[in-house]
C-alpha atoms as a PDB file:
ATOM      1  CA  MET A   1      32.987 -23.056 -10.923  1.00  0.00           C
ATOM      2  CA  GLU A   2      31.278 -20.051 -12.405  1.00  0.00           C
ATOM      3  CA  LEU A   3      28.626 -19.028 -14.477  1.00  0.00           C
ATOM      4  CA  ARG A   4      30.660 -18.282 -17.341  1.00  0.00           C
ATOM      5  CA  HIS A   5      31.245 -21.991 -17.422  1.00  0.00           C
ATOM      6  CA  LEU A   6      27.791 -23.236 -17.665  1.00  0.00           C
ATOM      7  CA  ARG A   7      26.976 -20.334 -20.179  1.00  0.00           C
ATOM      8  CA  TYR A   8      30.048 -21.602 -22.353  1.00  0.00           C
ATOM      9  CA  PHE A   9      29.250 -25.107 -22.681  1.00  0.00           C
ATOM     10  CA  ILE A  10      25.205 -24.601 -23.083  1.00  0.00           C
ATOM     11  CA  ALA A  11      26.244 -22.383 -26.002  1.00  0.00           C
ATOM     12  CA  VAL A  12      28.763 -25.276 -27.406  1.00  0.00           C
ATOM     13  CA  ALA A  13      26.490 -28.130 -26.326  1.00  0.00           C
ATOM     14  CA  GLU A  14      23.609 -26.090 -28.512  1.00  0.00           C
ATOM     15  CA  HIS A  15      25.769 -25.530 -31.602  1.00  0.00           C
ATOM     16  CA  GLN A  16      27.783 -29.017 -31.204  1.00  0.00           C
ATOM     17  CA  SER A  17      30.584 -26.180 -32.398  1.00  0.00           C
ATOM     18  CA  VAL A  18      33.552 -24.661 -30.397  1.00  0.00           C
ATOM     19  CA  ARG A  19      33.394 -22.154 -33.424  1.00  0.00           C
ATOM     20  CA  LEU A  20      29.737 -21.253 -33.515  1.00  0.00           C
ATOM     21  CA  ALA A  21      29.606 -20.943 -29.717  1.00  0.00           C
ATOM     22  CA  SER A  22      32.347 -18.394 -29.714  1.00  0.00           C
ATOM     23  CA  GLU A  23      30.666 -16.209 -32.584  1.00  0.00           C
ATOM     24  CA  GLN A  24      27.178 -16.142 -30.555  1.00  0.00           C
ATOM     25  CA  LEU A  25      29.707 -15.002 -27.783  1.00  0.00           C
ATOM     26  CA  HIS A  26      31.747 -13.166 -28.815  1.00  0.00           C
ATOM     27  CA  ILE A  27      34.892 -14.753 -27.354  1.00  0.00           C
ATOM     28  CA  THR A  28      37.944 -16.375 -28.817  1.00  0.00           C
ATOM     29  CA  GLN A  29      37.596 -19.982 -29.828  1.00  0.00           C
ATOM     30  CA  PRO A  30      40.608 -20.785 -27.652  1.00  0.00           C
ATOM     31  CA  ALA A  31      39.365 -18.840 -24.578  1.00  0.00           C
ATOM     32  CA  VAL A  32      35.884 -21.119 -25.043  1.00  0.00           C
ATOM     33  CA  SER A  33      37.730 -24.401 -25.601  1.00  0.00           C
ATOM     34  CA  ARG A  34      39.506 -23.614 -22.350  1.00  0.00           C
ATOM     35  CA  GLN A  35      36.992 -22.935 -20.288  1.00  0.00           C
ATOM     36  CA  ILE A  36      35.297 -26.372 -21.331  1.00  0.00           C
ATOM     37  CA  GLN A  37      38.245 -28.152 -20.323  1.00  0.00           C
ATOM     38  CA  ASP A  38      38.460 -26.457 -17.436  1.00  0.00           C
ATOM     39  CA  LEU A  39      35.039 -27.419 -16.934  1.00  0.00           C
ATOM     40  CA  GLU A  40      35.767 -31.057 -17.792  1.00  0.00           C
ATOM     41  CA  GLN A  41      38.700 -30.904 -15.492  1.00  0.00           C
ATOM     42  CA  GLU A  42      36.814 -29.734 -12.419  1.00  0.00           C
ATOM     43  CA  LEU A  43      33.606 -32.440 -12.911  1.00  0.00           C
ATOM     44  CA  GLY A  44      36.028 -35.138 -13.179  1.00  0.00           C
ATOM     45  CA  LEU A  45      34.500 -36.301 -16.315  1.00  0.00           C
ATOM     46  CA  LEU A  46      34.162 -35.790 -20.781  1.00  0.00           C
ATOM     47  CA  LEU A  47      31.088 -33.688 -21.410  1.00  0.00           C
ATOM     48  CA  PHE A  48      32.050 -33.927 -25.327  1.00  0.00           C
ATOM     49  CA  GLU A  49      33.368 -36.541 -27.471  1.00  0.00           C
ATOM     50  CA  ARG A  50      35.783 -35.002 -30.049  1.00  0.00           C
ATOM     51  CA  SER A  51      36.383 -36.142 -33.549  1.00  0.00           C
ATOM     52  CA  SER A  52      37.242 -34.978 -37.331  1.00  0.00           C
ATOM     53  CA  ARG A  53      33.358 -34.108 -37.168  1.00  0.00           C
ATOM     54  CA  GLY A  54      32.838 -32.086 -34.006  1.00  0.00           C
ATOM     55  CA  LEU A  55      31.767 -32.029 -31.157  1.00  0.00           C
ATOM     56  CA  LYS A  56      28.932 -34.284 -29.419  1.00  0.00           C
ATOM     57  CA  LEU A  57      27.873 -34.950 -25.715  1.00  0.00           C
ATOM     58  CA  THR A  58      28.897 -37.606 -23.605  1.00  0.00           C
ATOM     59  CA  ALA A  59      26.001 -39.479 -21.491  1.00  0.00           C
ATOM     60  CA  ALA A  60      27.056 -37.430 -18.729  1.00  0.00           C
ATOM     61  CA  GLY A  61      27.311 -34.335 -20.627  1.00  0.00           C
ATOM     62  CA  ASP A  62      23.712 -34.605 -21.935  1.00  0.00           C
ATOM     63  CA  SER A  63      22.541 -35.255 -18.104  1.00  0.00           C
ATOM     64  CA  TYR A  64      24.603 -32.570 -17.342  1.00  0.00           C
ATOM     65  CA  LEU A  65      23.256 -30.051 -20.276  1.00  0.00           C
ATOM     66  CA  ARG A  66      19.922 -30.713 -18.761  1.00  0.00           C
ATOM     67  CA  ASP A  67      20.834 -29.759 -15.178  1.00  0.00           C
ATOM     68  CA  ALA A  68      22.445 -26.520 -16.520  1.00  0.00           C
ATOM     69  CA  ARG A  69      19.604 -25.193 -18.422  1.00  0.00           C
ATOM     70  CA  GLN A  70      17.792 -25.521 -15.355  1.00  0.00           C
ATOM     71  CA  THR A  71      20.062 -23.729 -13.420  1.00  0.00           C
ATOM     72  CA  MET A  72      20.305 -20.889 -15.960  1.00  0.00           C
ATOM     73  CA  ALA A  73      16.462 -20.612 -16.629  1.00  0.00           C
ATOM     74  CA  ALA A  74      16.164 -20.329 -11.924  1.00  0.00           C
ATOM     75  CA  LEU A  75      19.040 -17.620 -12.531  1.00  0.00           C
ATOM     76  CA  ASP A  76      17.324 -15.523 -14.503  1.00  0.00           C
ATOM     77  CA  ALA A  77      14.428 -15.689 -12.717  1.00  0.00           C
ATOM     78  CA  ALA A  78      16.114 -14.727 -10.013  1.00  0.00           C
ATOM     79  CA  ALA A  79      17.431 -11.941 -11.132  1.00  0.00           C
ATOM     80  CA  HIS A  80      13.945 -10.460 -12.842  1.00  0.00           C
ATOM     81  CA  SER A  81      12.121 -11.069  -9.263  1.00  0.00           C
ATOM     82  CA  ALA A  82      14.909  -9.050  -7.843  1.00  0.00           C
ATOM     83  CA  ARG A  83      14.853  -6.361  -9.992  1.00  0.00           C
ATOM     84  CA  ARG A  84      10.857  -6.230  -9.787  1.00  0.00           C
ATOM     85  CA  VAL A  85      11.289  -6.133  -6.232  1.00  0.00           C
ATOM     86  CA  ALA A  86      13.762  -3.486  -5.991  1.00  0.00           C
ATOM     87  CA  ALA A  87      11.560  -1.436  -8.656  1.00  0.00           C
ATOM     88  CA  GLY A  88       8.643  -1.841  -6.251  1.00  0.00           C
ATOM     89  CA  LEU A  89       6.696  -3.921  -8.655  1.00  0.00           C
ATOM     90  CA  LEU A  90       7.313  -7.710  -6.444  1.00  0.00           C
ATOM     91  CA  GLY A  91       6.386  -7.476  -2.514  1.00  0.00           C
ATOM     92  CA  ARG A  92       4.127  -6.457  -0.093  1.00  0.00           C
ATOM     93  CA  LEU A  93       2.456  -3.253   1.474  1.00  0.00           C
ATOM     94  CA  ARG A  94       1.202  -3.455   5.070  1.00  0.00           C
ATOM     95  CA  LEU A  95      -1.158  -0.475   5.320  1.00  0.00           C
ATOM     96  CA  GLY A  96      -3.469   1.447   7.723  1.00  0.00           C
ATOM     97  CA  CYS A  97      -6.884   3.335   6.770  1.00  0.00           C
ATOM     98  CA  VAL A  98      -9.167   4.910   8.714  1.00  0.00           C
ATOM     99  CA  GLU A  99     -12.515   3.090   7.504  1.00  0.00           C
ATOM    100  CA  ASN A 100     -14.129   6.397   5.832  1.00  0.00           C
ATOM    101  CA  ALA A 101     -11.449   7.603   4.267  1.00  0.00           C
ATOM    102  CA  GLY A 102     -11.251   3.793   1.486  1.00  0.00           C
ATOM    103  CA  TRP A 103     -14.900   4.383   0.487  1.00  0.00           C
ATOM    104  CA  ASP A 104     -14.410   7.042  -2.009  1.00  0.00           C
ATOM    105  CA  GLY A 105     -12.526   9.415  -3.697  1.00  0.00           C
ATOM    106  CA  LEU A 106      -8.443  10.118  -3.427  1.00  0.00           C
ATOM    107  CA  VAL A 107      -7.744   6.895  -1.197  1.00  0.00           C
ATOM    108  CA  PRO A 108      -9.785   4.075  -3.215  1.00  0.00           C
ATOM    109  CA  ARG A 109      -8.667   5.720  -6.388  1.00  0.00           C
ATOM    110  CA  ALA A 110      -4.600   5.258  -5.508  1.00  0.00           C
ATOM    111  CA  PHE A 111      -5.707   1.597  -4.665  1.00  0.00           C
ATOM    112  CA  SER A 112      -6.918   1.108  -8.090  1.00  0.00           C
ATOM    113  CA  HIS A 113      -4.689   3.031 -10.197  1.00  0.00           C
ATOM    114  CA  PHE A 114      -1.376   0.860  -7.783  1.00  0.00           C
ATOM    115  CA  GLN A 115      -3.141  -2.273  -8.903  1.00  0.00           C
ATOM    116  CA  ALA A 116      -3.179  -1.442 -12.073  1.00  0.00           C
ATOM    117  CA  GLU A 117       0.334  -0.432 -12.147  1.00  0.00           C
ATOM    118  CA  ALA A 118       2.180  -3.430  -9.825  1.00  0.00           C
ATOM    119  CA  PRO A 119      -0.482  -6.611  -9.993  1.00  0.00           C
ATOM    120  CA  GLU A 120       2.307  -8.446  -8.492  1.00  0.00           C
ATOM    121  CA  VAL A 121       2.368  -6.530  -5.308  1.00  0.00           C
ATOM    122  CA  GLN A 122      -0.121  -7.603  -2.530  1.00  0.00           C
ATOM    123  CA  ILE A 123      -1.704  -4.684  -0.345  1.00  0.00           C
ATOM    124  CA  ALA A 124      -2.548  -6.132   3.342  1.00  0.00           C
ATOM    125  CA  LEU A 125      -5.375  -3.418   4.319  1.00  0.00           C
ATOM    126  CA  GLU A 126      -6.053  -2.930   8.076  1.00  0.00           C
ATOM    127  CA  VAL A 127      -9.052  -0.531   9.192  1.00  0.00           C
ATOM    128  CA  ARG A 128      -7.805   1.031  12.473  1.00  0.00           C
ATOM    129  CA  ASN A 129      -8.292   4.679  13.726  1.00  0.00           C
ATOM    130  CA  THR A 130      -5.448   6.810  13.850  1.00  0.00           C
ATOM    131  CA  PRO A 131      -4.067   6.815  17.292  1.00  0.00           C
ATOM    132  CA  GLU A 132      -4.310   2.802  16.671  1.00  0.00           C
ATOM    133  CA  GLN A 133      -1.864   3.470  12.829  1.00  0.00           C
ATOM    134  CA  LEU A 134       0.775   5.393  14.977  1.00  0.00           C
ATOM    135  CA  ARG A 135       0.945   2.892  17.023  1.00  0.00           C
ATOM    136  CA  ALA A 136       1.427  -0.109  14.589  1.00  0.00           C
ATOM    137  CA  MET A 137       3.648   2.045  12.542  1.00  0.00           C
ATOM    138  CA  ALA A 138       6.069   2.406  15.467  1.00  0.00           C
ATOM    139  CA  ASP A 139       6.486  -0.997  16.636  1.00  0.00           C
ATOM    140  CA  GLY A 140       7.209  -1.537  12.634  1.00  0.00           C
ATOM    141  CA  ALA A 141       3.640  -3.440  12.640  1.00  0.00           C
ATOM    142  CA  LEU A 142       2.077  -1.536   9.260  1.00  0.00           C
ATOM    143  CA  ASP A 143       4.437   0.293   6.357  1.00  0.00           C
ATOM    144  CA  GLY A 144       2.345   3.189   6.533  1.00  0.00           C
ATOM    145  CA  GLY A 145      -1.493   4.366   6.706  1.00  0.00           C
ATOM    146  CA  PHE A 146      -3.736   6.979   6.098  1.00  0.00           C
ATOM    147  CA  ILE A 147      -4.866   9.138   9.394  1.00  0.00           C
ATOM    148  CA  TYR A 148      -6.513  12.470  10.003  1.00  0.00           C
ATOM    149  CA  GLN A 149      -3.704  14.322  11.945  1.00  0.00           C
ATOM    150  CA  TYR A 150      -4.318  16.853  14.367  1.00  0.00           C
ATOM    151  CA  GLU A 151      -1.357  16.487  15.937  1.00  0.00           C
ATOM    152  CA  PRO A 152       2.384  16.897  15.573  1.00  0.00           C
ATOM    153  CA  LEU A 153       3.529  13.054  13.986  1.00  0.00           C
ATOM    154  CA  PRO A 154       6.062  10.926  16.001  1.00  0.00           C
ATOM    155  CA  GLU A 155       9.620  11.873  15.345  1.00  0.00           C
ATOM    156  CA  ALA A 156      10.466   8.572  13.481  1.00  0.00           C
ATOM    157  CA  LEU A 157       7.350   9.247  11.302  1.00  0.00           C
ATOM    158  CA  THR A 158       6.473  11.857   8.222  1.00  0.00           C
ATOM    159  CA  GLY A 159       3.525  12.499   6.022  1.00  0.00           C
ATOM    160  CA  LEU A 160       2.304  13.714   2.999  1.00  0.00           C
ATOM    161  CA  PRO A 161      -1.101  15.696   3.399  1.00  0.00           C
ATOM    162  CA  LEU A 162      -3.499  14.543   0.471  1.00  0.00           C
ATOM    163  CA  LEU A 163      -6.600  16.346   1.180  1.00  0.00           C
ATOM    164  CA  GLU A 164      -8.927  18.143   3.575  1.00  0.00           C
ATOM    165  CA  HIS A 165     -12.533  16.540   4.595  1.00  0.00           C
ATOM    166  CA  ASP A 166     -15.215  18.647   6.698  1.00  0.00           C
ATOM    167  CA  VAL A 167     -17.669  17.491   9.440  1.00  0.00           C
ATOM    168  CA  VAL A 168     -21.651  16.529   8.596  1.00  0.00           C
ATOM    169  CA  LEU A 169     -24.016  16.355  10.876  1.00  0.00           C
ATOM    170  CA  ALA A 170     -25.694  12.968  11.084  1.00  0.00           C
ATOM    171  CA  LEU A 171     -29.465  13.086  12.262  1.00  0.00           C
ATOM    172  CA  PRO A 172     -31.862  10.138  12.891  1.00  0.00           C
ATOM    173  CA  ARG A 173     -34.443   9.768  10.213  1.00  0.00           C
ATOM    174  CA  CYS A 174     -36.866   8.618  12.807  1.00  0.00           C
ATOM    175  CA  TRP A 175     -36.892  11.673  14.087  1.00  0.00           C
ATOM    176  CA  ASP A 176     -39.424  13.940  13.860  1.00  0.00           C
ATOM    177  CA  GLY A 177     -38.811  17.483  11.710  1.00  0.00           C
ATOM    178  CA  ASP A 178     -38.563  19.120   8.111  1.00  0.00           C
ATOM    179  CA  TYR A 179     -35.285  18.416   7.072  1.00  0.00           C
ATOM    180  CA  ASP A 180     -33.714  19.486   4.158  1.00  0.00           C
ATOM    181  CA  GLU A 181     -31.034  17.409   3.054  1.00  0.00           C
ATOM    182  CA  THR A 182     -29.824  19.767   0.170  1.00  0.00           C
ATOM    183  CA  ARG A 183     -29.727  22.638   2.542  1.00  0.00           C
ATOM    184  CA  PRO A 184     -27.426  23.263   5.691  1.00  0.00           C
ATOM    185  CA  ILE A 185     -28.566  22.875   9.007  1.00  0.00           C
ATOM    186  CA  ALA A 186     -27.418  24.931  12.609  1.00  0.00           C
ATOM    187  CA  LEU A 187     -26.153  23.069  14.930  1.00  0.00           C
ATOM    188  CA  ARG A 188     -27.155  26.044  17.730  1.00  0.00           C
ATOM    189  CA  GLY A 189     -30.748  24.777  16.357  1.00  0.00           C
ATOM    190  CA  LEU A 190     -30.080  21.057  17.547  1.00  0.00           C
ATOM    191  CA  ALA A 191     -28.059  21.757  20.841  1.00  0.00           C
ATOM    192  CA  GLU A 192     -31.329  20.568  23.039  1.00  0.00           C
ATOM    193  CA  ARG A 193     -31.081  17.348  21.400  1.00  0.00           C
ATOM    194  CA  PRO A 194     -28.979  13.642  22.699  1.00  0.00           C
ATOM    195  CA  PHE A 195     -25.667  13.349  20.716  1.00  0.00           C
ATOM    196  CA  VAL A 196     -23.591  10.090  20.236  1.00  0.00           C
ATOM    197  CA  MET A 197     -20.045  11.013  20.570  1.00  0.00           C
ATOM    198  CA  LEU A 198     -16.063   9.349  20.204  1.00  0.00           C
ATOM    199  CA  PRO A 199     -14.726   9.219  24.083  1.00  0.00           C
ATOM    200  CA  ARG A 200     -11.654  11.319  24.606  1.00  0.00           C
ATOM    201  CA  ALA A 201      -9.524   8.532  24.947  1.00  0.00           C
ATOM    202  CA  ALA A 202      -9.650   6.785  21.345  1.00  0.00           C
ATOM    203  CA  TYR A 203      -8.748  10.476  19.583  1.00  0.00           C
ATOM    204  CA  PRO A 204      -7.882  13.508  22.113  1.00  0.00           C
ATOM    205  CA  GLY A 205      -6.622  15.655  19.247  1.00  0.00           C
ATOM    206  CA  TYR A 206      -9.759  15.250  17.187  1.00  0.00           C
ATOM    207  CA  TYR A 207     -11.969  15.162  20.348  1.00  0.00           C
ATOM    208  CA  ASP A 208     -10.131  18.260  21.558  1.00  0.00           C
ATOM    209  CA  ARG A 209     -10.345  20.344  18.608  1.00  0.00           C
ATOM    210  CA  LEU A 210     -14.149  18.926  18.230  1.00  0.00           C
ATOM    211  CA  ASN A 211     -15.416  20.347  21.663  1.00  0.00           C
ATOM    212  CA  SER A 212     -13.152  23.737  21.724  1.00  0.00           C
ATOM    213  CA  ALA A 213     -14.853  24.334  18.304  1.00  0.00           C
ATOM    214  CA  CYS A 214     -18.537  24.110  19.527  1.00  0.00           C
ATOM    215  CA  ARG A 215     -17.638  26.133  22.783  1.00  0.00           C
ATOM    216  CA  GLN A 216     -16.612  28.552  20.420  1.00  0.00           C
ATOM    217  CA  LEU A 217     -20.479  28.626  19.126  1.00  0.00           C
ATOM    218  CA  GLY A 218     -21.466  28.879  22.252  1.00  0.00           C
ATOM    219  CA  VAL A 219     -22.983  25.333  21.883  1.00  0.00           C
ATOM    220  CA  HIS A 220     -22.852  22.164  24.515  1.00  0.00           C
ATOM    221  CA  LEU A 221     -23.374  18.959  23.104  1.00  0.00           C
ATOM    222  CA  LYS A 222     -25.625  16.590  25.585  1.00  0.00           C
ATOM    223  CA  VAL A 223     -23.638  13.375  25.122  1.00  0.00           C
ATOM    224  CA  ALA A 224     -26.100  10.562  25.712  1.00  0.00           C
ATOM    225  CA  GLN A 225     -23.771   8.325  24.410  1.00  0.00           C
ATOM    226  CA  GLU A 226     -20.130   7.260  23.349  1.00  0.00           C
ATOM    227  CA  ALA A 227     -18.720   4.862  20.886  1.00  0.00           C
ATOM    228  CA  SER A 228     -15.303   4.254  19.692  1.00  0.00           C
ATOM    229  CA  THR A 229     -15.290   4.340  16.304  1.00  0.00           C
ATOM    230  CA  GLU A 230     -17.618   6.529  13.954  1.00  0.00           C
ATOM    231  CA  THR A 231     -18.764   3.344  12.596  1.00  0.00           C
ATOM    232  CA  ALA A 232     -20.323   2.449  16.030  1.00  0.00           C
ATOM    233  CA  ILE A 233     -21.814   6.100  16.290  1.00  0.00           C
ATOM    234  CA  LEU A 234     -23.735   5.788  13.113  1.00  0.00           C
ATOM    235  CA  SER A 235     -25.245   2.498  14.194  1.00  0.00           C
ATOM    236  CA  LEU A 236     -26.356   4.411  16.949  1.00  0.00           C
ATOM    237  CA  VAL A 237     -27.549   7.680  14.789  1.00  0.00           C
ATOM    238  CA  CYS A 238     -29.752   5.096  13.142  1.00  0.00           C
ATOM    239  CA  ALA A 239     -31.203   3.980  15.651  1.00  0.00           C
ATOM    240  CA  GLY A 240     -32.722   7.297  17.356  1.00  0.00           C
ATOM    241  CA  ILE A 241     -29.862   7.431  20.199  1.00  0.00           C
ATOM    242  CA  GLY A 242     -29.001  10.881  19.190  1.00  0.00           C
ATOM    243  CA  ALA A 243     -27.288  12.651  16.742  1.00  0.00           C
ATOM    244  CA  ALA A 244     -23.809  13.080  15.863  1.00  0.00           C
ATOM    245  CA  ILE A 245     -20.780  15.602  14.295  1.00  0.00           C
ATOM    246  CA  VAL A 246     -18.911  13.237  11.740  1.00  0.00           C
ATOM    247  CA  ASN A 247     -16.732  13.065   9.037  1.00  0.00           C
ATOM    248  CA  SER A 248     -17.766  14.557   5.732  1.00  0.00           C
ATOM    249  CA  ALA A 249     -16.115  11.123   4.014  1.00  0.00           C
ATOM    250  CA  ASN A 250     -19.126   9.247   5.077  1.00  0.00           C
ATOM    251  CA  LEU A 251     -21.235  11.322   2.473  1.00  0.00           C
ATOM    252  CA  GLY A 252     -19.494   8.376   0.271  1.00  0.00           C
ATOM    253  CA  ARG A 253     -21.996   5.798   1.824  1.00  0.00           C
ATOM    254  CA  PRO A 254     -24.328   7.318   3.881  1.00  0.00           C
ATOM    255  CA  PRO A 255     -26.513   5.138   6.075  1.00  0.00           C
ATOM    256  CA  ALA A 256     -29.760   4.274   5.537  1.00  0.00           C
ATOM    257  CA  GLN A 257     -31.320   5.348   8.676  1.00  0.00           C
ATOM    258  CA  ALA A 258     -29.528   8.734   8.889  1.00  0.00           C
ATOM    259  CA  ARG A 259     -29.610  12.151   7.337  1.00  0.00           C
ATOM    260  CA  LEU A 260     -26.050  13.619   6.707  1.00  0.00           C
ATOM    261  CA  LEU A 261     -26.252  17.430   6.542  1.00  0.00           C
ATOM    262  CA  ARG A 262     -24.033  20.158   6.056  1.00  0.00           C
ATOM    263  CA  LEU A 263     -23.195  22.520   8.801  1.00  0.00           C
ATOM    264  CA  GLN A 264     -24.225  26.063   8.414  1.00  0.00           C
ATOM    265  CA  ASP A 265     -22.607  27.281  11.383  1.00  0.00           C
ATOM    266  CA  LEU A 266     -19.447  24.447  12.022  1.00  0.00           C
ATOM    267  CA  SER A 267     -16.589  23.734   9.987  1.00  0.00           C
ATOM    268  CA  LEU A 268     -13.436  21.276  11.379  1.00  0.00           C
ATOM    269  CA  PRO A 269     -11.107  20.655   8.806  1.00  0.00           C
ATOM    270  CA  MET A 270     -10.128  16.645   8.714  1.00  0.00           C
ATOM    271  CA  PRO A 271      -6.760  16.910   7.276  1.00  0.00           C
ATOM    272  CA  LEU A 272      -6.220  13.100   5.618  1.00  0.00           C
ATOM    273  CA  THR A 273      -2.427  12.351   5.611  1.00  0.00           C
ATOM    274  CA  PHE A 274      -0.243   9.494   4.359  1.00  0.00           C
ATOM    275  CA  VAL A 275       2.172   8.542   6.943  1.00  0.00           C
ATOM    276  CA  TRP A 276       4.955   6.181   6.800  1.00  0.00           C
ATOM    277  CA  ARG A 277       8.802   5.315   8.640  1.00  0.00           C
ATOM    278  CA  GLN A 278      11.270   7.924   8.017  1.00  0.00           C
ATOM    279  CA  GLY A 279      14.170   5.872   6.046  1.00  0.00           C
ATOM    280  CA  ALA A 280      11.918   2.967   5.458  1.00  0.00           C
ATOM    281  CA  ALA A 281      13.470   0.442   2.798  1.00  0.00           C
ATOM    282  CA  ASN A 282      10.903  -1.139   1.196  1.00  0.00           C
ATOM    283  CA  PRO A 283      10.511  -0.143  -1.941  1.00  0.00           C
ATOM    284  CA  VAL A 284       6.492  -0.712  -2.742  1.00  0.00           C
ATOM    285  CA  LEU A 285       6.363   1.343  -0.761  1.00  0.00           C
ATOM    286  CA  ALA A 286       8.458   3.967  -2.614  1.00  0.00           C
ATOM    287  CA  ARG A 287       6.515   3.090  -5.630  1.00  0.00           C
ATOM    288  CA  PHE A 288       2.898   3.767  -3.395  1.00  0.00           C
ATOM    289  CA  LEU A 289       4.668   7.053  -2.328  1.00  0.00           C
ATOM    290  CA  ALA A 290       5.226   8.077  -5.920  1.00  0.00           C
ATOM    291  CA  LEU A 291       1.476   7.445  -7.290  1.00  0.00           C
ATOM    292  CA  LEU A 292       0.270   9.407  -4.103  1.00  0.00           C
ATOM    293  CA  ARG A 293       2.470  12.213  -5.255  1.00  0.00           C
ATOM    294  CA  HIS A 294       1.378  12.090  -9.068  1.00  0.00           C
ATOM    295  CA  GLU A 295      -2.080  11.553  -7.993  1.00  0.00           C
ATOM    296  CA  THR A 296      -2.314  15.016  -5.954  1.00  0.00           C
ATOM    297  CA  GLY A 297      -0.015  17.033  -7.967  1.00  0.00           C
ATOM    298  CA  GLN A 298       2.838  16.666  -5.284  1.00  0.00           C
ATOM    299  CA  GLU A 299       5.594  15.185  -7.579  1.00  0.00           C
ATOM    300  CA  LYS A 300       9.612  16.509  -6.722  1.00  0.00           C
END
């Protein structure tokens, strides 16, 4: 049995006429009649009562028509879903994101536009730092992610540069001092103050770049405490434990008990990059990449 048998049968049953069915199908009448006869022979039963007045479904034929319609509807639905999956409009996308990159600007805008474009796609978003994301992509646990890239990517991964953030100074509001949040501040003037830092193990590439930039400035930061995430660092700043050098993306969600000040004498570009596995076969990922290229003016 082939699908055309069902299509021809349904057409004949709905028109109760081989002639009208053949006109609808653009197939000759003998060909339609032959297919109906072949179907009846294969099933071992009559689907139609034939008379000079035309065709009429038998009881078996009426039952078969209901099931045939359901089968064709299910096949049409399956084909529709498959086309949407192939177009990246249906499926699941597992993405990582450095937390502060998702608060303002490009990343949340891209998610919003993608949701409007492909509302049936499920995005599973995980907040992870850059090294954690790279490991997860290497293990196949993430399809892609937004990272800050300071080192060459592993061979299996490729990246799309998006934008650059910089660093700012986070100061506890409980510290004494006349700080104007509209004017940049010099890091050299705070070198004797305690600082909260990431441990090197959390992100060696960033840690080394930051310390190198401070050494070139002639500043040796006094580390009072370390914390493994920038959220934890800012919590300690708010508690008055120390100042911190943090991502300017935090300006999109400034902590209530910390001042975020631009720096006069220190700049450390933080390149935000979208990274994914080379040769990834997920059509949803391909559509998301196309949107990111459009958002950043990098269409191929």
